[in-house]
Protein backbone atom coordinates (compact mmCIF):
# COMPACT_ATOMS: atom_id res chain seq x y z
CA UNK A 1 32.74 -3.61 -26.14
CA UNK A 2 35.08 -0.64 -26.55
CA UNK A 3 38.30 -1.19 -24.60
CA UNK A 4 39.81 2.06 -23.37
CA UNK A 5 43.55 2.28 -22.92
CA UNK A 6 44.14 0.37 -26.14
CA UNK A 7 41.16 2.14 -27.78
CA UNK A 8 40.00 -0.90 -29.75
CA UNK A 9 36.72 -2.80 -30.05
CA UNK A 10 36.50 -6.28 -28.48
CA UNK A 11 33.91 -8.99 -28.96
CA UNK A 12 33.02 -11.38 -26.13
CA UNK A 13 30.61 -14.30 -25.87
CA UNK A 14 29.50 -13.13 -22.40
CA UNK A 15 29.76 -10.14 -20.08
CA UNK A 16 31.69 -10.05 -17.91
CA UNK A 17 34.04 -12.12 -20.07
CA UNK A 18 34.25 -15.75 -19.00
CA UNK A 19 37.98 -15.57 -18.39
CA UNK A 20 37.90 -12.38 -16.32
CA UNK A 21 39.36 -13.66 -13.05
CA UNK A 22 38.25 -11.83 -9.88
CA UNK A 23 41.29 -10.45 -8.08
CA UNK A 24 41.75 -7.95 -5.29
CA UNK A 25 44.02 -4.95 -5.56
CA UNK A 26 45.04 -4.50 -1.94
CA UNK A 27 45.93 -1.21 -0.27
CA UNK A 28 49.25 -1.24 1.56
CA UNK A 29 51.05 0.96 4.05
CA UNK A 30 53.20 3.61 2.43
CA UNK A 31 50.85 4.07 -0.51
CA UNK A 32 51.44 0.67 -2.12
CA UNK A 33 48.89 -1.15 -4.28
CA UNK A 34 49.24 -4.77 -5.37
CA UNK A 35 47.49 -8.10 -5.83
CA UNK A 36 49.35 -9.40 -2.75
CA UNK A 37 47.39 -9.25 0.50
CA UNK A 38 48.89 -7.36 3.46
CA UNK A 39 50.97 -9.70 5.61
CA UNK A 40 51.52 -7.49 8.66
CA UNK A 41 49.33 -5.89 11.30
CA UNK A 42 51.36 -2.68 11.53
CA UNK A 43 51.14 0.07 10.47
CA UNK A 44 47.42 -0.52 10.62
CA UNK A 45 45.86 2.43 8.83
CA UNK A 46 46.18 5.67 6.91
CA UNK A 47 44.22 8.67 8.07
CA UNK A 48 43.21 12.14 6.91
CA UNK A 49 40.98 14.94 8.12
CA UNK A 50 37.90 15.66 6.02
CA UNK A 51 36.58 19.21 6.34
CA UNK A 52 33.14 19.95 4.83
CA UNK A 53 34.16 23.61 4.59
CA UNK A 54 37.01 22.63 2.22
CA UNK A 55 35.65 19.77 0.10
CA UNK A 56 37.76 18.05 -2.57
CA UNK A 57 36.73 19.51 -5.96
CA UNK A 58 36.14 17.34 -9.01
CA UNK A 59 38.27 19.45 -11.38
CA UNK A 60 41.21 21.75 -10.69
CA UNK A 61 39.80 24.86 -12.34
CA UNK A 62 36.75 27.06 -11.94
CA UNK A 63 33.79 25.67 -13.90
CA UNK A 64 30.28 27.16 -13.86
CA UNK A 65 28.76 23.76 -14.69
CA UNK A 66 29.85 20.12 -15.03
CA UNK A 67 32.23 19.79 -18.02
CA UNK A 68 32.10 16.45 -19.81
CA UNK A 69 35.86 16.08 -19.52
CA UNK A 70 35.62 15.50 -15.75
CA UNK A 71 35.07 11.79 -16.50
CA UNK A 72 38.67 11.49 -17.70
CA UNK A 73 40.10 14.53 -15.92
CA UNK A 74 43.65 14.70 -14.62
CA UNK A 75 43.68 13.81 -10.91
CA UNK A 76 47.19 15.05 -10.08
CA UNK A 77 45.77 18.05 -8.25
CA UNK A 78 43.73 15.84 -5.89
CA UNK A 79 46.64 13.65 -4.86
CA UNK A 80 48.52 16.67 -3.51
CA UNK A 81 45.81 17.40 -0.94
CA UNK A 82 46.12 16.23 2.66
CA UNK A 83 42.51 14.95 2.64
CA UNK A 84 43.11 12.48 -0.22
CA UNK A 85 45.03 9.21 0.24
CA UNK A 86 46.82 7.70 -2.74
CA UNK A 87 47.85 4.11 -3.48
CA UNK A 88 49.62 2.98 -6.65
CA UNK A 89 51.35 -0.03 -8.15
CA UNK A 90 54.94 -0.12 -9.34
CA UNK A 91 55.43 0.53 -13.04
CA UNK A 92 53.62 -2.23 -14.96
CA UNK A 93 55.89 -4.63 -16.83
CA UNK A 94 53.04 -5.84 -19.07
CA UNK A 95 49.55 -4.76 -20.08
CA UNK A 96 46.79 -5.42 -17.51
CA UNK A 97 43.15 -5.45 -18.60
CA UNK A 98 40.20 -5.02 -16.22
CA UNK A 99 36.80 -6.16 -17.52
CA UNK A 100 33.53 -6.14 -15.56
CA UNK A 101 32.40 -4.54 -12.30
CA UNK A 102 34.65 -2.93 -9.71
CA UNK A 103 33.85 -3.67 -6.07
CA UNK A 104 35.57 -1.75 -3.27
CA UNK A 105 35.93 -3.67 0.00
CA UNK A 106 37.11 -1.16 2.60
CA UNK A 107 37.72 -1.35 6.33
CA UNK A 108 37.23 2.15 7.68
CA UNK A 109 36.47 4.20 10.76
CA UNK A 110 35.53 7.82 11.37
CA UNK A 111 35.53 10.20 14.30
CA UNK A 112 32.12 11.42 13.09
CA UNK A 113 28.77 9.65 12.87
CA UNK A 114 28.53 9.71 9.06
CA UNK A 115 31.01 10.06 6.22
CA UNK A 116 31.33 9.63 2.48
CA UNK A 117 33.94 7.32 0.95
CA UNK A 118 34.80 8.26 -2.62
CA UNK A 119 36.81 5.71 -4.61
CA UNK A 120 38.68 6.67 -7.79
CA UNK A 121 40.46 4.22 -10.12
CA UNK A 122 43.17 6.01 -12.11
CA UNK A 123 45.54 5.21 -14.99
CA UNK A 124 48.90 6.91 -14.38
CA UNK A 125 50.82 7.66 -17.57
CA UNK A 126 54.65 7.52 -17.73
CA UNK A 127 56.42 10.83 -16.96
CA UNK A 128 57.93 10.90 -20.47
CA UNK A 129 54.64 10.26 -22.30
CA UNK A 130 54.59 12.65 -25.29
CA UNK A 131 52.09 15.47 -25.56
CA UNK A 132 49.69 15.56 -28.48
CA UNK A 133 47.67 18.41 -29.88
CA UNK A 134 44.74 16.00 -30.14
CA UNK A 135 44.85 15.48 -26.39
CA UNK A 136 44.32 19.14 -25.53
CA UNK A 137 40.74 20.30 -24.81
CA UNK A 138 39.24 21.80 -27.95
CA UNK A 139 38.01 25.40 -27.83
CA UNK A 140 34.58 24.30 -29.03
CA UNK A 141 34.30 21.98 -26.00
CA UNK A 142 34.54 24.83 -23.55
CA UNK A 143 31.46 26.17 -21.83
CA UNK A 144 29.48 27.93 -24.55
CA UNK A 145 28.04 30.42 -22.07
CA UNK A 146 31.39 31.49 -20.65
CA UNK A 147 33.93 32.31 -23.33
CA UNK A 148 36.17 33.87 -20.68
CA UNK A 149 36.72 30.52 -18.90
CA UNK A 150 40.14 29.24 -20.03
CA UNK A 151 40.69 25.60 -20.85
CA UNK A 152 42.94 23.92 -18.28
CA UNK A 153 46.60 23.37 -19.07
CA UNK A 154 47.18 19.76 -20.01
CA UNK A 155 50.31 17.63 -20.12
CA UNK A 156 50.30 13.92 -20.94
CA UNK A 157 53.54 13.19 -19.05
CA UNK A 158 52.44 11.85 -15.64
CA UNK A 159 48.75 12.31 -16.53
CA UNK A 160 46.48 10.67 -13.94
CA UNK A 161 43.45 9.71 -16.01
CA UNK A 162 40.25 9.08 -14.09
CA UNK A 163 38.89 5.73 -15.28
CA UNK A 164 36.09 5.18 -12.79
CA UNK A 165 34.95 7.05 -9.71
CA UNK A 166 32.08 6.54 -7.31
CA UNK A 167 30.96 8.03 -4.00
CA UNK A 168 29.46 5.91 -1.24
CA UNK A 169 27.56 7.49 1.65
CA UNK A 170 28.51 5.55 4.74
CA UNK A 171 25.14 5.73 6.50
CA UNK A 172 23.78 3.35 3.82
CA UNK A 173 26.47 0.67 4.36
CA UNK A 174 23.95 -1.85 5.69
CA UNK A 175 20.74 -0.72 3.98
CA UNK A 176 19.51 2.02 1.68
CA UNK A 177 16.11 1.87 3.40
CA UNK A 178 17.43 2.18 6.97
CA UNK A 179 20.47 4.46 7.27
CA UNK A 180 22.60 3.95 10.39
CA UNK A 181 25.10 6.22 12.15
CA UNK A 182 28.72 5.24 12.65
CA UNK A 183 30.06 4.66 16.14
CA UNK A 184 33.06 7.03 16.30
CA UNK A 185 36.30 5.06 16.10
CA UNK A 186 34.66 1.70 15.38
CA UNK A 187 36.06 -0.18 12.37
CA UNK A 188 33.37 -1.00 9.80
CA UNK A 189 33.50 -2.90 6.51
CA UNK A 190 32.12 -1.20 3.39
CA UNK A 191 31.13 -3.34 0.39
CA UNK A 192 29.73 -1.78 -2.76
CA UNK A 193 29.99 -2.04 -6.53
CA UNK A 194 30.64 0.72 -9.04
CA UNK A 195 30.32 0.89 -12.81
CA UNK A 196 31.72 -1.81 -15.07
CA UNK A 197 35.00 -1.21 -16.83
CA UNK A 198 36.79 -2.45 -19.94
CA UNK A 199 40.20 -0.80 -19.72
CA UNK A 200 43.79 -1.81 -20.36
CA UNK A 201 46.53 -0.28 -18.23
CA UNK A 202 49.47 -0.29 -20.62
CA UNK A 203 52.98 -1.50 -19.92
CA UNK A 204 54.97 1.39 -18.42
CA UNK A 205 51.87 2.87 -16.73
CA UNK A 206 50.79 2.51 -13.10
CA UNK A 207 47.42 1.67 -11.53
CA UNK A 208 46.31 4.14 -8.86
CA UNK A 209 43.48 4.31 -6.34
CA UNK A 210 42.57 7.58 -4.63
CA UNK A 211 40.26 7.69 -1.61
CA UNK A 212 38.61 10.81 -0.20
CA UNK A 213 35.45 11.85 1.67
CA UNK A 214 34.10 14.66 -0.52
CA UNK A 215 33.78 15.25 -4.26
CA UNK A 216 32.20 18.64 -4.70
CA UNK A 217 29.92 19.54 -6.40
CA UNK A 218 29.31 16.10 -7.93
CA UNK A 219 27.97 15.11 -4.52
CA UNK A 220 26.55 17.36 -1.85
CA UNK A 221 28.68 17.93 1.24
CA UNK A 222 28.26 15.35 3.99
CA UNK A 223 28.07 17.17 7.35
CA UNK A 224 29.79 14.10 8.87
CA UNK A 225 27.13 14.00 11.53
CA UNK A 226 24.17 11.65 11.27
CA UNK A 227 21.41 14.01 10.15
CA UNK A 228 18.98 14.34 7.26
CA UNK A 229 21.38 16.27 5.04
CA UNK A 230 18.83 18.58 3.32
CA UNK A 231 17.84 19.75 6.82
CA UNK A 232 21.40 20.09 8.16
CA UNK A 233 22.23 23.25 10.11
CA UNK A 234 25.61 25.00 9.79
CA UNK A 235 26.56 23.64 13.21
CA UNK A 236 26.07 20.07 11.93
CA UNK A 237 29.02 20.39 9.52
CA UNK A 238 32.13 19.23 11.37
CA UNK A 239 35.62 17.99 10.57
CA UNK A 240 36.15 14.24 10.87
CA UNK A 241 39.25 12.07 11.05
CA UNK A 242 38.90 9.23 8.56
CA UNK A 243 40.92 6.02 8.72
CA UNK A 244 41.44 3.31 6.10
CA UNK A 245 42.83 0.02 7.41
CA UNK A 246 45.17 -2.32 5.54
CA UNK A 247 46.23 -5.23 7.71
CA UNK A 248 46.14 -9.01 7.46
CA UNK A 249 42.82 -9.09 9.32
CA UNK A 250 41.41 -5.86 7.82
CA UNK A 251 42.62 -5.97 4.21
CA UNK A 252 41.08 -3.06 2.33
CA UNK A 253 41.12 -3.41 -1.43
CA UNK A 254 39.31 -3.18 -4.77
CA UNK A 255 37.96 -6.37 -6.39
CA UNK A 256 38.38 -6.28 -10.18
CA UNK A 257 38.05 -8.74 -13.06
CA UNK A 258 41.50 -9.28 -14.60
CA UNK A 259 41.31 -10.46 -18.18
CA UNK A 260 43.90 -12.81 -19.58
CA UNK A 261 45.52 -11.27 -22.64
CA UNK A 262 46.02 -14.79 -23.96
CA UNK A 263 42.27 -15.39 -24.13
CA UNK A 264 40.89 -17.59 -26.93
CA UNK A 265 40.00 -15.71 -30.08
CA UNK A 266 36.26 -16.21 -29.59
CA UNK A 267 36.55 -14.56 -26.15
CA UNK A 268 38.66 -11.57 -27.09
CA UNK A 269 38.64 -10.46 -30.70
């Protein structure tokens, strides 16, 4: 397996690796993120307003198609929006390796009757990380059909590298065969699994999670009313207040496999 972050090949006797211990990265009030569960009941949630007329874009520049670089694109622009909530760890004092699937477990509510919940796992680079010419987008990687589209400016200091991202359409929280509307204001638990990962967050970096309710145009806009989306009328598209809970009894978090860096040689070579 290729391990990003360290950019080296690893060999394991099983996948996920046998010594990848499931742990939960819990969301905390004030934008905190840690392996410690919330201990208090207050403040209970973070909230934002999702507006289908102003969806969160997937890159911060105009692109006529889907550039390959979006899979590792800088997410700093998204975290400045009022419809994106951000949680991050303190600066890491040692390397942390995630190996295997990532499983969000979120306690949420919405003022609408349907909503998307987009989860992004991000590697935050130190603010003094040096730039490299090799890290800049190459001219030949730009859209061949649009030579006038400039490559985005890119700085490695503070870079928020997208590691994994996945949307989840809330109406399918109980079944993909039988979608169900939300009851406005009712707290619901979302459990889903996104793509596997084999990534090391290096010492001096931070681990970040961003949550939002649109990711356009990677996913179509959710009207945030319970309708068959291809048949949605303009009047069906409404703003919704989204809440993410992080209390002792409603501990939202992301379940990850944390790999011991002292693994036996036959497990991690």
